[in-house]
């Protein structure tokens, strides 16, 4: 009897919506990037707010083409209708640079901020294509010299009195 009831429910349920929702319809666009380095907590934090869903992204930090690192930034709060996404990354600062691990810790100290260049990318939710990016820091052309990095010419405008934890 229970089996027949379940089958009857399945037959009447509309499993294919007539019109697809707005999810994944538009490419993600970076609306805001917040970042800081807290020397008391020995931690970097990055937050990216986008219009439309993302497929995640990357945060790059580096001093030169031979001295850079990349960390995956993941969605933590995507709107149910696909209209916004929020990505967050927290990185512990390692006392010994050799102990740094991709995605969880970094070699860069807060005092390194004036010598660093940063790159933030977000991916299309349906592919691995970079849809939007921002670069900031010492050398905005650094990422064009790193083969695995995305060459980005969208400069992040920083407030004059940004608190970088230095």
Foldseek 3Di string as FASTA:
>chain_A
DVVVVVVVVVVPDDPDDPDDACALVDFKDWDDKDWAQAQVQQKIKIKTKIFFDFLWKKKKKALALVGIDIATWDWDDADPRRGMTMTMAMAHADPDQVPGDHRHYHPDHLVCQQRMKMKIFTHRNVDRDTDYMEIDHDDLQRQVSHVVGDNDDHYDDDDPDDHHND
